[in-house]
């Protein structure tokens, strides 16, 4: 599903913070219609896949914390759920 303004802000913030070599932000809100946190118009449930050198040597939990810090405003407001896949450049080579 194409991202609107919230998805665009997420993309911009992650690009600015991590300079990723790969970034995919997907609005999955349509899959959660009628569930907790769902709103008409969507932009409540997102899936992020990001690959960046900034994650080299960081644990999965640390990577999620880094992303959650950058997206604190969105997570406190319009975003109800965020699924994260965050990989280092080294892990990309193994994929």
C-alpha atoms as a PDB file:
ATOM      1  CA  UNK A   1       0.000   0.000   0.000  1.00  0.00           C
ATOM      2  CA  UNK A   2       1.337   3.449  -0.895  1.00  0.00           C
ATOM      3  CA  UNK A   3       2.365   5.648   2.031  1.00  0.00           C
ATOM      4  CA  UNK A   4       0.752   9.021   2.710  1.00  0.00           C
ATOM      5  CA  UNK A   5       2.071  11.887   4.792  1.00  0.00           C
ATOM      6  CA  UNK A   6       2.903   9.789   7.870  1.00  0.00           C
ATOM      7  CA  UNK A   7       4.722   7.215   5.768  1.00  0.00           C
ATOM      8  CA  UNK A   8       6.568  10.010   3.990  1.00  0.00           C
ATOM      9  CA  UNK A   9       7.701  11.520   7.336  1.00  0.00           C
ATOM     10  CA  UNK A  10       8.876   8.099   8.513  1.00  0.00           C
ATOM     11  CA  UNK A  11      10.871   7.651   5.310  1.00  0.00           C
ATOM     12  CA  UNK A  12      12.433  11.121   5.547  1.00  0.00           C
ATOM     13  CA  UNK A  13      13.395  10.755   9.210  1.00  0.00           C
ATOM     14  CA  UNK A  14      14.948   7.317   8.733  1.00  0.00           C
ATOM     15  CA  UNK A  15      16.898   8.494   5.675  1.00  0.00           C
ATOM     16  CA  UNK A  16      18.213  11.506   7.546  1.00  0.00           C
ATOM     17  CA  UNK A  17      19.134   9.607  10.713  1.00  0.00           C
ATOM     18  CA  UNK A  18      20.693   6.461   9.250  1.00  0.00           C
ATOM     19  CA  UNK A  19      21.642   7.140   5.598  1.00  0.00           C
ATOM     20  CA  UNK A  20      20.444   3.643   4.682  1.00  0.00           C
ATOM     21  CA  UNK A  21      21.560   1.785   1.590  1.00  0.00           C
ATOM     22  CA  UNK A  22      18.084   0.261   1.507  1.00  0.00           C
ATOM     23  CA  UNK A  23      14.818   1.468   3.026  1.00  0.00           C
ATOM     24  CA  UNK A  24      11.285   0.254   2.542  1.00  0.00           C
ATOM     25  CA  UNK A  25       8.347   1.754   4.457  1.00  0.00           C
ATOM     26  CA  UNK A  26       5.045  -0.026   3.909  1.00  0.00           C
ATOM     27  CA  UNK A  27       1.659   1.096   5.201  1.00  0.00           C
ATOM     28  CA  UNK A  28      -0.054  -2.121   6.338  1.00  0.00           C
ATOM     29  CA  UNK A  29      -3.027  -0.322   7.898  1.00  0.00           C
ATOM     30  CA  UNK A  30      -5.493  -1.927   5.499  1.00  0.00           C
ATOM     31  CA  UNK A  31      -4.637  -5.331   7.003  1.00  0.00           C
ATOM     32  CA  UNK A  32      -5.637  -4.096  10.467  1.00  0.00           C
ATOM     33  CA  UNK A  33      -9.019  -2.491   9.785  1.00  0.00           C
ATOM     34  CA  UNK A  34     -11.248  -2.948  12.816  1.00  0.00           C
ATOM     35  CA  UNK A  35      -8.316  -3.773  15.118  1.00  0.00           C
ATOM     36  CA  UNK A  36      -6.995  -1.687  17.987  1.00  0.00           C
ATOM     37  CA  UNK A  37      -5.419   1.554  16.867  1.00  0.00           C
ATOM     38  CA  UNK A  38      -6.972   1.412  13.408  1.00  0.00           C
ATOM     39  CA  UNK A  39      -8.428   4.620  11.956  1.00  0.00           C
ATOM     40  CA  UNK A  40     -10.310   5.423   8.785  1.00  0.00           C
ATOM     41  CA  UNK A  41      -7.756   6.571   6.233  1.00  0.00           C
ATOM     42  CA  UNK A  42      -5.045   4.284   7.576  1.00  0.00           C
ATOM     43  CA  UNK A  43      -1.477   5.316   8.332  1.00  0.00           C
ATOM     44  CA  UNK A  44      -1.564   3.560  11.695  1.00  0.00           C
ATOM     45  CA  UNK A  45       0.313   0.295  11.056  1.00  0.00           C
ATOM     46  CA  UNK A  46       3.661   0.285   9.269  1.00  0.00           C
ATOM     47  CA  UNK A  47       6.357  -2.181   8.320  1.00  0.00           C
ATOM     48  CA  UNK A  48       9.949  -0.948   7.915  1.00  0.00           C
ATOM     49  CA  UNK A  49      12.896  -2.755   6.360  1.00  0.00           C
ATOM     50  CA  UNK A  50      16.155  -0.823   6.635  1.00  0.00           C
ATOM     51  CA  UNK A  51      19.792  -1.659   5.954  1.00  0.00           C
ATOM     52  CA  UNK A  52      22.434   0.764   7.218  1.00  0.00           C
ATOM     53  CA  UNK A  53      26.030   0.895   8.431  1.00  0.00           C
ATOM     54  CA  UNK A  54      24.709   2.588  11.575  1.00  0.00           C
ATOM     55  CA  UNK A  55      23.502  -0.841  12.725  1.00  0.00           C
ATOM     56  CA  UNK A  56      26.908  -2.555  12.450  1.00  0.00           C
ATOM     57  CA  UNK A  57      27.795  -4.098  15.813  1.00  0.00           C
ATOM     58  CA  UNK A  58      24.402  -3.229  17.335  1.00  0.00           C
ATOM     59  CA  UNK A  59      22.011  -5.779  18.807  1.00  0.00           C
ATOM     60  CA  UNK A  60      18.515  -6.187  17.430  1.00  0.00           C
ATOM     61  CA  UNK A  61      17.121  -4.450  20.504  1.00  0.00           C
ATOM     62  CA  UNK A  62      19.542  -1.527  20.144  1.00  0.00           C
ATOM     63  CA  UNK A  63      18.580  -1.119  16.474  1.00  0.00           C
ATOM     64  CA  UNK A  64      14.880  -1.035  17.364  1.00  0.00           C
ATOM     65  CA  UNK A  65      15.553   1.495  20.121  1.00  0.00           C
ATOM     66  CA  UNK A  66      17.479   3.695  17.684  1.00  0.00           C
ATOM     67  CA  UNK A  67      14.593   3.641  15.217  1.00  0.00           C
ATOM     68  CA  UNK A  68      11.970   4.163  17.937  1.00  0.00           C
ATOM     69  CA  UNK A  69      13.900   7.207  19.182  1.00  0.00           C
ATOM     70  CA  UNK A  70      13.988   8.755  15.705  1.00  0.00           C
ATOM     71  CA  UNK A  71      10.269   8.047  15.229  1.00  0.00           C
ATOM     72  CA  UNK A  72       9.168   8.974  18.771  1.00  0.00           C
ATOM     73  CA  UNK A  73       6.784  11.687  17.549  1.00  0.00           C
ATOM     74  CA  UNK A  74       5.027   9.334  15.122  1.00  0.00           C
ATOM     75  CA  UNK A  75       4.854   6.506  17.672  1.00  0.00           C
ATOM     76  CA  UNK A  76       3.322   8.874  20.247  1.00  0.00           C
ATOM     77  CA  UNK A  77       0.677  10.005  17.796  1.00  0.00           C
ATOM     78  CA  UNK A  78      -0.573   8.572  14.542  1.00  0.00           C
ATOM     79  CA  UNK A  79       1.366   5.281  14.431  1.00  0.00           C
ATOM     80  CA  UNK A  80      -0.144   2.462  16.446  1.00  0.00           C
ATOM     81  CA  UNK A  81       2.192  -0.349  15.356  1.00  0.00           C
ATOM     82  CA  UNK A  82       5.608  -0.525  13.715  1.00  0.00           C
ATOM     83  CA  UNK A  83       7.181  -3.797  12.563  1.00  0.00           C
ATOM     84  CA  UNK A  84      10.932  -3.389  12.093  1.00  0.00           C
ATOM     85  CA  UNK A  85      13.546  -5.356  10.184  1.00  0.00           C
ATOM     86  CA  UNK A  86      16.858  -3.547  10.687  1.00  0.00           C
ATOM     87  CA  UNK A  87      20.025  -5.057   9.243  1.00  0.00           C
ATOM     88  CA  UNK A  88      23.640  -3.988   9.092  1.00  0.00           C
ATOM     89  CA  UNK A  89      25.532  -3.827   5.812  1.00  0.00           C
ATOM     90  CA  UNK A  90      27.429  -6.966   6.839  1.00  0.00           C
ATOM     91  CA  UNK A  91      24.181  -8.862   7.341  1.00  0.00           C
ATOM     92  CA  UNK A  92      22.985  -7.790   3.900  1.00  0.00           C
ATOM     93  CA  UNK A  93      25.931  -9.600   2.372  1.00  0.00           C
ATOM     94  CA  UNK A  94      24.892 -12.823   4.149  1.00  0.00           C
ATOM     95  CA  UNK A  95      21.250 -12.622   2.997  1.00  0.00           C
END
